[in-house]
Amino acid sequence: MIENVRDILREVGAELTDLAQVTSYLVNMNDFAGYNEVYGEYFDSSARPAPPSRCTSCRIRTCSSRSRPSRTCLGATPGGEETRP
């Protein structure tokens, strides 16, 4: 999932380091440890610029057996142009 976000950002001339916020919606909070491990591979908490702020939530009541984790991200492109891929 993070690779998909990275690829979309690259299409508009940005990188993961341009993200300001990441909100993730897990289907099962038992998946949080694995999610957190993968997140740490892409966003180093000691890196500068600092990694994006993040919120992780679980969509228990809205999930069906076919639900998948999802994510929303907020960032800025270099130069500040507004871009919508």
Protein backbone atom coordinates (compact mmCIF):
# COMPACT_ATOMS: atom_id res chain seq x y z
CA MET A 1 0.00 0.00 0.00
CA ILE A 2 2.82 2.44 0.80
CA GLU A 3 4.42 1.68 -2.57
CA ASN A 4 1.17 2.74 -4.26
CA VAL A 5 1.24 6.06 -2.41
CA ARG A 6 4.92 6.52 -3.30
CA ASP A 7 4.20 5.83 -6.98
CA ILE A 8 1.32 8.34 -7.08
CA LEU A 9 3.49 10.97 -5.41
CA ARG A 10 6.29 10.40 -7.92
CA GLU A 11 3.84 10.98 -10.78
CA VAL A 12 3.46 14.56 -9.53
CA GLY A 13 7.13 15.11 -8.68
CA ALA A 14 6.89 14.40 -4.94
CA GLU A 15 8.22 11.74 -2.57
CA LEU A 16 7.12 10.13 0.69
CA THR A 17 9.14 12.80 2.50
CA ASP A 18 6.66 15.38 1.15
CA LEU A 19 3.79 13.84 3.12
CA ALA A 20 2.53 15.84 6.08
CA GLN A 21 -0.05 13.36 7.40
CA VAL A 22 -0.99 9.69 6.97
CA THR A 23 -4.28 8.29 8.26
CA SER A 24 -4.65 4.51 8.10
CA TYR A 25 -7.77 2.45 8.65
CA LEU A 26 -7.09 -1.15 9.64
CA VAL A 27 -9.67 -3.92 9.44
CA ASN A 28 -8.35 -5.63 12.57
CA MET A 29 -6.26 -3.99 15.31
CA ASN A 30 -4.42 -7.31 15.69
CA ASP A 31 -2.70 -6.25 12.44
CA PHE A 32 -1.24 -3.11 14.04
CA ALA A 33 2.14 -4.61 15.00
CA GLY A 34 2.79 -5.77 11.44
CA TYR A 35 1.52 -2.51 10.00
CA ASN A 36 3.74 -0.55 12.37
CA GLU A 37 6.79 -2.60 11.36
CA VAL A 38 6.20 -1.98 7.65
CA TYR A 39 5.47 1.72 8.27
CA GLY A 40 8.84 1.99 10.05
CA GLU A 41 10.61 0.64 6.96
CA TYR A 42 9.39 3.67 4.98
CA PHE A 43 9.30 6.38 7.64
CA ASP A 44 12.28 6.62 10.00
CA SER A 45 11.25 8.41 13.20
CA SER A 46 14.75 9.88 13.58
CA ALA A 47 14.92 11.13 9.98
CA ARG A 48 14.90 14.78 9.02
CA PRO A 49 12.62 16.07 7.74
CA ALA A 50 10.48 14.39 10.35
CA PRO A 51 8.13 11.66 9.19
CA PRO A 52 4.50 12.65 8.59
CA SER A 53 2.12 12.79 11.52
CA ARG A 54 -0.09 9.74 11.58
CA CYS A 55 -3.32 8.37 12.90
CA THR A 56 -4.28 4.70 12.82
CA SER A 57 -7.82 3.57 13.39
CA CYS A 58 -9.79 0.35 13.12
CA ARG A 59 -13.04 0.25 11.15
CA ILE A 60 -14.70 -2.51 13.16
CA ARG A 61 -18.36 -1.62 12.59
CA THR A 62 -18.03 -0.75 8.91
CA CYS A 63 -16.08 -3.83 7.82
CA SER A 64 -17.32 -6.76 5.84
CA SER A 65 -15.40 -9.98 5.34
CA ARG A 66 -14.07 -8.51 2.07
CA SER A 67 -12.81 -5.24 3.57
CA ARG A 68 -9.19 -4.26 3.12
CA PRO A 69 -7.05 -1.74 4.99
CA SER A 70 -7.11 1.76 3.51
CA ARG A 71 -5.18 4.98 3.88
CA THR A 72 -5.51 8.69 3.21
CA CYS A 73 -2.48 10.97 2.89
CA LEU A 74 -1.93 14.71 2.84
CA GLY A 75 1.19 16.25 1.38
CA ALA A 76 2.61 19.08 -0.68
CA THR A 77 4.37 18.96 -4.00
CA PRO A 78 7.74 20.66 -4.35
CA GLY A 79 7.10 24.25 -5.36
CA GLY A 80 3.66 24.22 -3.79
CA GLU A 81 1.63 23.64 -6.97
CA GLU A 82 -1.74 22.01 -6.47
CA THR A 83 -1.86 18.62 -8.20
CA ARG A 84 -4.60 16.00 -8.26
CA PRO A 85 -3.54 12.67 -9.76
